[in-house]
Amino acid sequence: EFRYLSNKQSGSFEYDFLPGDNKYSDKNRYFFSLKYARTLSGSSEITLDAQGVSDDQYFEDLGTSLESSSIVNLERTLRYNKRHGDWTFSALVQDFQVLDNTSEAYARLPQLKLDWQPQAAKGEAIWDFNTEYTFFSNSNSSDGHRLSAAASVKKRFGNEFAYVTPAIKLQHASYQLDQQDEDQINRTLPTVSIDSGLFFERELKAGKFIQTLEPRFYYTYTPFSDQSNIPVFDSSDRALSYSQLFSDNRFTGRDRIEDANRLSSSLTTRLQNQETGREVFRASVGQIYHLDDRQVSLAGEPDEAVQGDNRSELVFEAAGELNASTRMTTTAFVNTSDGKVSASQLKINYKDKKDRVLNLGYNQRKNDYEAANISFATPVAQSWKLAGGYEHDLENNRMLESVLGLEYRDCCWKGRIAARKYLLSDNTSYDDAVFVELELKGLGNFGSSASTFLSNQIYGYK
């Protein structure tokens, strides 16, 4: 691994090579990652980010995390950005190395974007305009051109106790598909929304804290438009989250616009230190109410799974400081029909001034997944640090992954070694991996990237 940094540019290059792997027909195997960024002027820059592997099974056999074995494609992107006043222009060329034949990743050859967002003083309307042209290419599907534009304006009315923010947006997209006789496809849709909220607060008897109560209501409407003849180049369903309660579209990308007629309501309470203003605790709960059936889906046909469901799951999230060194975060999704928790997550993170780290976690998905994990990192002597982690599948009573690492650091160099045992994607067999790394101060890293591996596995490790 090699890295460099100067006033106007930075970059890194990583190359992992395994000669004659006897588990893979004695073939050479490799992974590379190239990152480069250069400031061309005060308002423009160019970046390059490219990755590649020797074969589709590389991450399955040699990946450095449990998640890496599920990587389906690797991105290669060259991007140019330029800003001038309220305008931003970007040009992008992007391709993928596809590792899973079921993944349809479209190359963008190129993508050109122009955005206008003028500065708005407090109380003024906020305007936004953006337009984009993209040529999408895929060897297994029809290529296509997409030209899209969106304009929006919103204005906030209110004071420190209440606010109302109406907004209106107009979106247009035109498609021209290669290898098809169909004429150009056009879609133009308006969206209106109203975001509103109230703020209440009280001083607690202790006098040190202020508690707030913040109800919020969000309404959005977009008329239905049949989009079944529009291809899906870069759109996907957004996973339900607290922030998604206040979004005007449940799809990502520009290929699908939700036929929305819904109201979201939420309630948030915060506990703040009156002297410093620091938030020590926050809890929120919210839900979406659909006033009409939803017809637009990625597949083009109405999604039967959501037709009769006029309410989303109840979304709950909370975060707080248990003490100066410990923080807790949790999220939960509750099905209001049967009162059961469909998914939940709990994290407790501890890090003190002596660089000692302890993380506890719990994840659950209804009828699918339930696991707990623990990880730590601690100095054990003046120059030594020990780190480790363990994740256990509670549903099937088996280990998912275990990690152990050791680091030694001196004035001029660092040495790290890490070992990993993890469950393969076949859910029946395990594999092992060992990472050894030598870092020379000011020169670079040699060996497998044990530091990156431990940082990814153990929150707070550095």
Protein backbone atom coordinates (compact mmCIF):
# COMPACT_ATOMS: atom_id res chain seq x y z
CA GLU A 1 0.00 0.00 0.00
CA PHE A 2 1.31 3.44 -0.97
CA ARG A 3 -0.11 6.86 -0.10
CA TYR A 4 0.92 10.41 -0.81
CA LEU A 5 -0.32 13.91 -0.04
CA SER A 6 0.63 17.37 -1.31
CA ASN A 7 -0.97 20.80 -1.35
CA LYS A 8 -3.09 20.12 -4.44
CA GLN A 9 -3.29 16.36 -4.77
CA SER A 10 -3.54 13.14 -2.84
CA GLY A 11 -3.65 9.51 -3.74
CA SER A 12 -3.30 5.93 -2.63
CA PHE A 13 -2.58 2.62 -4.31
CA GLU A 14 -3.16 -0.80 -2.78
CA TYR A 15 -2.24 -4.08 -4.43
CA ASP A 16 -2.77 -7.48 -2.85
CA PHE A 17 -1.26 -10.45 -4.68
CA LEU A 18 -1.46 -14.17 -3.97
CA PRO A 19 0.67 -16.28 -6.34
CA GLY A 20 -0.41 -19.78 -7.29
CA ASP A 21 -3.38 -20.24 -4.94
CA ASN A 22 -3.63 -24.02 -4.51
CA LYS A 23 -7.30 -23.64 -3.55
CA TYR A 24 -8.01 -21.96 -6.88
CA SER A 25 -6.31 -24.20 -9.49
CA ASP A 26 -2.88 -22.65 -8.72
CA LYS A 27 -3.95 -19.39 -10.37
CA ASN A 28 -2.58 -16.00 -9.34
CA ARG A 29 -5.10 -13.86 -7.49
CA TYR A 30 -5.05 -10.14 -6.82
CA PHE A 31 -6.95 -7.09 -5.67
CA PHE A 32 -6.14 -3.48 -6.48
CA SER A 33 -7.49 -0.13 -5.36
CA LEU A 34 -6.46 3.20 -6.88
CA LYS A 35 -7.63 6.55 -5.49
CA TYR A 36 -6.54 9.96 -6.76
CA ALA A 37 -7.75 13.52 -6.16
CA ARG A 38 -6.34 16.74 -7.56
CA THR A 39 -7.48 20.34 -7.17
CA LEU A 40 -7.17 22.00 -10.58
CA SER A 41 -8.13 25.44 -9.30
CA GLY A 42 -9.89 26.93 -6.34
CA SER A 43 -13.25 25.80 -7.69
CA SER A 44 -12.60 22.61 -9.67
CA GLU A 45 -11.21 19.17 -8.95
CA ILE A 46 -10.78 15.78 -10.55
CA THR A 47 -11.02 12.43 -8.74
CA LEU A 48 -10.36 8.83 -9.71
CA ASP A 49 -11.56 5.77 -7.79
CA ALA A 50 -10.98 2.33 -9.27
CA GLN A 51 -11.01 -1.19 -7.86
CA GLY A 52 -10.62 -4.64 -9.36
CA VAL A 53 -10.07 -8.30 -8.53
CA SER A 54 -8.73 -11.29 -10.40
CA ASP A 55 -11.89 -13.40 -10.12
CA ASP A 56 -15.51 -13.45 -8.93
CA GLN A 57 -14.69 -15.53 -5.83
CA TYR A 58 -11.92 -13.27 -4.50
CA PHE A 59 -13.92 -11.63 -1.69
CA GLU A 60 -15.61 -14.91 -0.82
CA ASP A 61 -12.20 -16.51 -0.21
CA LEU A 62 -9.99 -13.58 0.79
CA GLY A 63 -12.30 -10.76 1.90
CA THR A 64 -11.40 -8.75 5.00
CA SER A 65 -14.91 -8.50 6.46
CA LEU A 66 -18.13 -10.45 6.70
CA GLU A 67 -19.79 -7.88 4.44
CA SER A 68 -17.12 -8.09 1.72
CA SER A 69 -18.26 -11.59 0.74
CA SER A 70 -21.56 -10.05 -0.42
CA ILE A 71 -19.98 -7.47 -2.76
CA VAL A 72 -21.63 -7.83 -6.19
CA ASN A 73 -19.67 -5.24 -8.20
CA LEU A 74 -16.61 -3.00 -8.03
CA GLU A 75 -16.74 0.61 -9.14
CA ARG A 76 -14.36 2.45 -11.47
CA THR A 77 -15.15 6.17 -11.56
CA LEU A 78 -13.50 9.25 -13.04
CA ARG A 79 -15.19 12.49 -11.94
CA TYR A 80 -14.72 16.20 -12.65
CA ASN A 81 -16.40 18.89 -10.51
CA LYS A 82 -16.45 22.66 -10.97
CA ARG A 83 -18.21 25.34 -8.97
CA HIS A 84 -18.91 28.89 -10.07
CA GLY A 85 -21.03 31.01 -7.77
CA ASP A 86 -24.38 29.30 -7.31
CA TRP A 87 -23.70 26.81 -10.14
CA THR A 88 -22.09 23.38 -9.92
CA PHE A 89 -21.11 21.28 -12.94
CA SER A 90 -19.97 17.67 -12.79
CA ALA A 91 -18.92 15.13 -15.41
CA LEU A 92 -18.58 11.45 -14.62
CA VAL A 93 -17.51 8.28 -16.38
CA GLN A 94 -18.33 5.15 -14.40
CA ASP A 95 -18.05 1.43 -15.06
CA PHE A 96 -18.24 -1.69 -12.91
CA GLN A 97 -16.57 -5.05 -12.63
CA VAL A 98 -19.59 -7.29 -12.05
CA LEU A 99 -18.97 -10.17 -9.63
CA ASP A 100 -22.53 -11.49 -9.52
CA ASN A 101 -24.39 -12.22 -12.75
CA THR A 102 -27.69 -11.40 -11.05
CA SER A 103 -26.58 -7.79 -10.54
CA GLU A 104 -27.50 -5.34 -13.31
CA ALA A 105 -25.02 -2.50 -12.92
CA TYR A 106 -25.24 0.06 -15.71
CA ALA A 107 -22.13 1.94 -16.81
CA ARG A 108 -22.54 5.72 -17.16
CA LEU A 109 -20.72 6.79 -20.31
CA PRO A 110 -20.95 9.66 -19.45
CA GLN A 111 -23.10 11.43 -16.87
CA LEU A 112 -23.28 15.25 -17.05
CA LYS A 113 -24.96 17.26 -14.28
CA LEU A 114 -25.65 20.96 -13.79
CA ASP A 115 -27.04 22.27 -10.49
CA TRP A 116 -28.17 25.76 -9.48
CA GLN A 117 -28.82 26.54 -5.82
CA PRO A 118 -28.63 30.24 -4.98
CA GLN A 119 -27.80 31.38 -1.48
CA ALA A 120 -30.91 32.37 0.46
CA ALA A 121 -31.00 34.70 3.42
CA LYS A 122 -32.96 33.71 6.51
CA GLY A 123 -36.67 33.85 5.76
CA GLU A 124 -36.24 33.87 1.98
CA ALA A 125 -37.48 31.21 -0.41
CA ILE A 126 -34.99 28.45 -1.26
CA TRP A 127 -34.77 27.66 -4.97
CA ASP A 128 -33.14 24.63 -6.55
CA PHE A 129 -32.70 23.54 -10.16
CA ASN A 130 -30.78 20.57 -11.51
CA THR A 131 -30.50 18.84 -14.85
CA GLU A 132 -28.73 15.66 -15.88
CA TYR A 133 -27.88 13.74 -19.03
CA THR A 134 -26.72 10.12 -18.77
CA PHE A 135 -26.00 7.39 -21.29
CA PHE A 136 -26.49 4.02 -19.60
CA SER A 137 -24.78 0.93 -21.00
CA ASN A 138 -25.08 -2.72 -20.03
CA SER A 139 -23.91 -5.71 -22.05
CA ASN A 140 -26.93 -7.78 -20.94
CA SER A 141 -29.64 -5.13 -21.40
CA SER A 142 -30.70 -2.42 -23.77
CA ASP A 143 -28.64 0.78 -23.62
CA GLY A 144 -30.45 4.05 -23.09
CA HIS A 145 -30.21 7.83 -22.93
CA ARG A 146 -31.89 9.77 -20.11
CA LEU A 147 -32.31 13.53 -19.92
CA SER A 148 -33.89 14.78 -16.71
CA ALA A 149 -34.53 18.08 -14.96
CA ALA A 150 -36.07 19.12 -11.65
CA ALA A 151 -36.95 22.52 -10.21
CA SER A 152 -38.19 23.21 -6.69
CA VAL A 153 -38.91 26.06 -4.31
CA LYS A 154 -39.74 26.07 -0.61
CA LYS A 155 -40.16 28.73 2.06
CA ARG A 156 -40.24 28.46 5.83
CA PHE A 157 -42.70 30.48 7.88
CA GLY A 158 -42.43 30.43 11.64
CA ASN A 159 -40.66 31.36 14.83
CA GLU A 160 -38.94 29.57 17.69
CA PHE A 161 -42.20 27.87 18.72
CA ALA A 162 -43.69 26.68 15.41
CA TYR A 163 -42.99 26.48 11.68
CA VAL A 164 -44.66 25.62 8.37
CA THR A 165 -42.64 24.94 5.20
CA PRO A 166 -44.63 24.53 1.97
CA ALA A 167 -42.73 23.25 -1.07
CA ILE A 168 -43.41 22.54 -4.73
CA LYS A 169 -41.32 20.55 -7.19
CA LEU A 170 -41.59 19.81 -10.91
CA GLN A 171 -39.69 16.84 -12.39
CA HIS A 172 -39.27 15.85 -16.03
CA ALA A 173 -37.45 12.95 -17.67
CA SER A 174 -37.04 11.86 -21.30
CA TYR A 175 -35.78 8.42 -22.37
CA GLN A 176 -34.47 7.16 -25.68
CA LEU A 177 -33.73 3.43 -25.69
CA ASP A 178 -31.42 1.74 -28.17
CA GLN A 179 -32.42 -1.49 -29.92
CA GLN A 180 -36.12 -0.73 -29.43
CA ASP A 181 -38.69 0.66 -31.85
CA GLU A 182 -40.52 2.62 -29.17
CA ASP A 183 -40.55 6.39 -29.53
CA GLN A 184 -39.05 8.69 -26.94
CA ILE A 185 -40.60 8.22 -23.49
CA ASN A 186 -41.50 11.36 -21.52
CA ARG A 187 -42.69 11.85 -17.95
CA THR A 188 -43.50 15.12 -16.17
CA LEU A 189 -44.83 15.17 -12.61
CA PRO A 190 -45.43 17.84 -9.95
CA THR A 191 -44.99 17.24 -6.21
CA VAL A 192 -46.29 19.39 -3.37
CA SER A 193 -45.48 19.02 0.31
CA ILE A 194 -46.02 20.77 3.61
CA ASP A 195 -43.66 20.26 6.54
CA SER A 196 -44.73 21.62 9.93
CA GLY A 197 -43.75 21.34 13.55
CA LEU A 198 -44.07 22.70 17.08
CA PHE A 199 -41.45 23.22 19.79
CA PHE A 200 -42.15 22.97 23.52
CA GLU A 201 -39.55 22.98 26.26
CA ARG A 202 -39.36 22.92 30.01
CA GLU A 203 -36.67 23.21 32.63
CA LEU A 204 -36.34 20.10 34.74
CA LYS A 205 -36.39 20.39 38.51
CA ALA A 206 -32.69 19.64 38.71
CA GLY A 207 -32.12 22.90 36.84
CA LYS A 208 -29.23 21.56 34.79
CA PHE A 209 -31.25 20.19 31.86
CA ILE A 210 -33.92 21.33 29.43
CA GLN A 211 -36.39 18.84 27.97
CA THR A 212 -38.04 19.50 24.61
CA LEU A 213 -41.16 18.06 23.01
CA GLU A 214 -41.32 18.37 19.22
CA PRO A 215 -44.36 17.08 17.28
CA ARG A 216 -43.91 17.13 13.49
CA PHE A 217 -46.32 16.62 10.58
CA TYR A 218 -45.37 16.15 6.93
CA TYR A 219 -47.76 15.82 3.99
CA THR A 220 -46.80 15.15 0.36
CA TYR A 221 -48.78 14.58 -2.82
CA THR A 222 -47.67 13.41 -6.28
CA PRO A 223 -50.27 12.27 -8.86
CA PHE A 224 -50.08 8.80 -10.39
CA SER A 225 -48.32 8.32 -13.71
CA ASP A 226 -47.95 4.96 -15.43
CA GLN A 227 -44.19 4.31 -15.48
CA SER A 228 -44.27 0.63 -16.47
CA ASN A 229 -42.63 1.38 -19.84
CA ILE A 230 -39.72 3.25 -18.24
CA PRO A 231 -36.58 1.18 -17.63
CA VAL A 232 -34.91 1.04 -14.23
CA PHE A 233 -31.34 2.28 -14.64
CA ASP A 234 -30.49 3.57 -11.16
CA SER A 235 -33.64 3.47 -9.02
CA SER A 236 -34.32 1.24 -6.04
CA ASP A 237 -36.66 1.10 -3.06
CA ARG A 238 -35.55 3.14 -0.07
CA ALA A 239 -35.41 1.20 3.16
CA LEU A 240 -37.77 2.57 5.77
CA SER A 241 -36.00 4.81 8.27
CA TYR A 242 -36.89 7.76 10.47
CA SER A 243 -35.59 10.28 7.91
CA GLN A 244 -37.60 8.53 5.17
CA LEU A 245 -40.79 9.60 6.96
CA PHE A 246 -40.15 13.11 5.63
CA SER A 247 -39.10 12.29 2.07
CA ASP A 248 -41.32 12.98 -0.95
CA ASN A 249 -40.26 9.82 -2.83
CA ARG A 250 -39.78 6.25 -1.61
CA PHE A 251 -37.50 5.48 -4.58
CA THR A 252 -33.88 6.45 -5.13
CA GLY A 253 -32.59 7.64 -8.50
CA ARG A 254 -34.65 9.28 -11.25
CA ASP A 255 -36.44 6.37 -12.94
CA ARG A 256 -39.36 6.08 -10.53
CA ILE A 257 -41.46 8.78 -8.86
CA GLU A 258 -43.85 7.58 -6.18
CA ASP A 259 -47.58 8.27 -6.52
CA ALA A 260 -47.77 9.76 -3.05
CA ASN A 261 -50.73 10.92 -1.03
CA ARG A 262 -49.56 10.45 2.52
CA LEU A 263 -49.18 12.07 5.90
CA SER A 264 -46.32 11.43 8.32
CA SER A 265 -46.42 12.27 12.00
CA SER A 266 -43.69 12.03 14.59
CA LEU A 267 -42.81 13.04 18.11
CA THR A 268 -39.29 13.82 19.33
CA THR A 269 -38.03 14.61 22.82
CA ARG A 270 -34.54 15.83 23.68
CA LEU A 271 -32.62 16.32 26.88
CA GLN A 272 -30.05 19.13 26.66
CA ASN A 273 -27.46 20.44 29.06
CA GLN A 274 -28.62 23.97 29.88
CA GLU A 275 -25.08 25.29 30.36
CA THR A 276 -23.38 23.83 27.28
CA GLY A 277 -26.34 23.14 24.98
CA ARG A 278 -25.03 19.61 24.50
CA GLU A 279 -27.65 16.98 23.66
CA VAL A 280 -27.39 14.11 26.12
CA PHE A 281 -30.47 12.16 25.03
CA ARG A 282 -32.86 12.05 22.08
CA ALA A 283 -35.83 9.80 21.30
CA SER A 284 -38.18 9.87 18.30
CA VAL A 285 -41.16 7.86 17.12
CA GLY A 286 -43.06 8.27 13.85
CA GLN A 287 -45.26 6.65 11.21
CA ILE A 288 -46.54 7.15 7.64
CA TYR A 289 -50.28 7.12 6.83
CA HIS A 290 -51.10 6.42 3.17
CA LEU A 291 -54.34 8.10 2.06
CA ASP A 292 -54.45 6.22 -1.29
CA ASP A 293 -53.18 2.89 -2.58
CA ARG A 294 -49.73 3.02 -4.16
CA GLN A 295 -49.50 1.81 -7.75
CA VAL A 296 -45.98 2.67 -8.90
CA SER A 297 -43.35 -0.03 -8.37
CA LEU A 298 -39.93 -0.89 -9.71
CA ALA A 299 -41.32 -3.80 -11.72
CA GLY A 300 -43.90 -1.58 -13.38
CA GLU A 301 -46.98 -3.44 -12.11
CA PRO A 302 -48.70 -2.41 -8.84
CA ASP A 303 -46.98 -3.89 -5.82
CA GLU A 304 -49.57 -6.18 -4.22
CA ALA A 305 -47.53 -6.28 -1.00
CA VAL A 306 -48.37 -2.63 -0.24
CA GLN A 307 -51.83 -2.18 -1.78
CA GLY A 308 -53.83 -2.88 1.37
CA ASP A 309 -51.29 -1.55 3.86
CA ASN A 310 -52.30 2.05 4.61
CA ARG A 311 -49.79 2.52 7.42
CA SER A 312 -46.06 2.03 7.61
CA GLU A 313 -44.39 0.33 10.50
CA LEU A 314 -43.88 2.43 13.60
CA VAL A 315 -40.30 3.74 13.54
CA PHE A 316 -38.51 4.33 16.83
CA GLU A 317 -34.98 5.61 17.38
CA ALA A 318 -33.08 6.85 20.41
CA ALA A 319 -29.54 7.93 21.27
CA GLY A 320 -27.95 9.08 24.47
CA GLU A 321 -24.83 9.44 26.57
CA LEU A 322 -24.76 6.98 29.43
CA ASN A 323 -21.67 8.76 30.78
CA ALA A 324 -18.74 10.79 29.44
CA SER A 325 -17.24 7.74 27.71
CA THR A 326 -20.29 5.67 26.74
CA ARG A 327 -22.94 6.27 24.09
CA MET A 328 -26.01 4.19 23.25
CA THR A 329 -28.06 4.15 20.03
CA THR A 330 -31.08 2.04 19.18
CA THR A 331 -33.66 1.72 16.41
CA ALA A 332 -36.78 -0.43 16.16
CA PHE A 333 -39.55 -1.05 13.64
CA VAL A 334 -42.92 -2.20 15.01
CA ASN A 335 -45.74 -3.68 12.93
CA THR A 336 -48.83 -1.91 14.24
CA SER A 337 -51.14 -4.69 12.97
CA ASP A 338 -49.82 -7.32 15.37
CA GLY A 339 -47.61 -5.23 17.66
CA LYS A 340 -44.50 -7.30 16.86
CA VAL A 341 -41.02 -5.88 16.34
CA SER A 342 -39.96 -6.63 12.76
CA ALA A 343 -36.41 -5.30 13.09
CA SER A 344 -34.29 -3.73 15.81
CA GLN A 345 -30.74 -2.70 16.54
CA LEU A 346 -28.90 -1.74 19.72
CA LYS A 347 -25.35 -0.38 19.97
CA ILE A 348 -23.35 0.57 23.05
CA ASN A 349 -19.96 2.17 22.40
CA TYR A 350 -17.37 2.92 25.08
CA LYS A 351 -14.11 4.81 24.53
CA ASP A 352 -12.11 6.53 27.26
CA LYS A 353 -9.15 8.89 27.35
CA LYS A 354 -6.75 5.94 27.62
CA ASP A 355 -7.85 4.75 24.15
CA ARG A 356 -9.70 1.74 25.54
CA VAL A 357 -12.63 0.68 23.36
CA LEU A 358 -15.55 -1.66 24.05
CA ASN A 359 -18.54 -2.16 21.72
CA LEU A 360 -21.68 -4.21 22.31
CA GLY A 361 -24.30 -4.78 19.62
CA TYR A 362 -27.54 -6.58 18.90
CA ASN A 363 -29.35 -6.92 15.54
CA GLN A 364 -32.65 -8.60 14.79
CA ARG A 365 -34.88 -9.04 11.74
CA LYS A 366 -38.21 -10.84 12.05
CA ASN A 367 -38.03 -14.55 11.12
CA ASP A 368 -34.71 -13.97 9.41
CA TYR A 369 -31.78 -12.92 11.56
CA GLU A 370 -30.80 -12.41 15.20
CA ALA A 371 -27.22 -11.83 16.26
CA ALA A 372 -25.14 -10.25 19.02
CA ASN A 373 -21.60 -8.97 18.82
CA ILE A 374 -18.81 -7.66 21.02
CA SER A 375 -15.52 -6.01 20.12
CA PHE A 376 -12.71 -4.31 22.01
CA ALA A 377 -9.33 -2.62 21.70
CA THR A 378 -7.01 -1.78 24.57
CA PRO A 379 -3.37 -0.90 25.22
CA VAL A 380 -1.70 -3.75 27.08
CA ALA A 381 1.75 -2.18 27.47
CA GLN A 382 3.54 0.99 26.48
CA SER A 383 3.90 0.01 22.80
CA TRP A 384 1.37 -2.81 22.45
CA LYS A 385 -2.35 -2.86 21.67
CA LEU A 386 -4.70 -5.85 21.68
CA ALA A 387 -7.98 -5.94 19.73
CA GLY A 388 -10.66 -8.50 19.07
CA GLY A 389 -14.28 -9.16 18.22
CA TYR A 390 -16.91 -11.88 18.16
CA GLU A 391 -20.32 -12.14 16.48
CA HIS A 392 -22.80 -14.91 17.32
CA ASP A 393 -25.90 -16.06 15.45
CA LEU A 394 -28.56 -16.37 18.17
CA GLU A 395 -31.14 -17.82 15.79
CA ASN A 396 -29.00 -20.85 14.88
CA ASN A 397 -26.62 -20.85 17.89
CA ARG A 398 -23.40 -20.59 15.89
CA MET A 399 -20.45 -18.29 15.45
CA LEU A 400 -20.62 -15.86 12.53
CA GLU A 401 -17.18 -14.31 12.90
CA SER A 402 -14.29 -13.97 15.33
CA VAL A 403 -11.34 -11.57 15.10
CA LEU A 404 -8.13 -11.15 17.08
CA GLY A 405 -5.42 -8.57 16.42
CA LEU A 406 -2.16 -7.38 17.95
CA GLU A 407 -0.31 -4.13 17.22
CA TYR A 408 3.17 -2.92 18.12
CA ARG A 409 4.26 0.67 17.54
CA ASP A 410 7.61 2.40 17.88
CA CYS A 411 8.80 5.87 16.98
CA CYS A 412 9.42 5.02 13.32
CA TRP A 413 7.29 1.99 12.50
CA LYS A 414 4.21 -0.05 13.36
CA GLY A 415 3.54 -3.75 13.02
CA ARG A 416 0.13 -5.41 13.05
CA ILE A 417 -1.14 -8.95 12.81
CA ALA A 418 -4.79 -9.99 12.73
CA ALA A 419 -6.55 -13.34 12.42
CA ARG A 420 -10.12 -13.96 11.35
CA LYS A 421 -12.49 -16.93 11.26
CA TYR A 422 -15.81 -16.41 9.51
CA LEU A 423 -18.86 -18.19 8.14
CA LEU A 424 -18.97 -18.48 4.35
CA SER A 425 -22.00 -17.49 2.29
CA ASP A 426 -23.04 -21.15 1.97
CA ASN A 427 -23.96 -20.90 5.70
CA THR A 428 -22.36 -24.26 6.46
CA SER A 429 -18.55 -23.94 6.31
CA TYR A 430 -15.95 -21.61 7.80
CA ASP A 431 -12.76 -20.08 6.46
CA ASP A 432 -9.71 -18.47 8.06
CA ALA A 433 -7.59 -15.46 7.15
CA VAL A 434 -4.43 -13.88 8.56
CA PHE A 435 -3.34 -10.27 7.91
CA VAL A 436 0.21 -9.03 8.51
CA GLU A 437 1.17 -5.40 7.98
CA LEU A 438 4.31 -3.29 8.42
CA GLU A 439 3.96 0.50 8.37
CA LEU A 440 7.03 2.72 8.04
CA LYS A 441 6.37 6.27 9.16
CA GLY A 442 6.41 8.62 6.19
CA LEU A 443 6.97 5.83 3.64
CA GLY A 444 3.91 3.60 3.47
CA ASN A 445 2.47 0.21 4.33
CA PHE A 446 3.63 -3.24 3.34
CA GLY A 447 1.72 -6.50 3.57
CA SER A 448 -2.01 -7.10 3.89
CA SER A 449 -4.01 -4.17 5.26
CA ALA A 450 -4.47 -5.29 8.86
CA SER A 451 -5.15 -1.71 10.01
CA THR A 452 -8.03 -1.27 7.56
CA PHE A 453 -9.42 -4.66 8.51
CA LEU A 454 -9.36 -3.91 12.26
CA SER A 455 -10.82 -0.42 11.75
CA ASN A 456 -13.71 -1.89 9.77
CA GLN A 457 -14.36 -4.59 12.34
CA ILE A 458 -13.95 -2.60 15.56
CA TYR A 459 -15.69 0.76 15.95
CA GLY A 460 -13.33 3.30 17.51
CA TYR A 461 -10.13 1.39 16.68
CA LYS A 462 -7.34 3.53 15.27
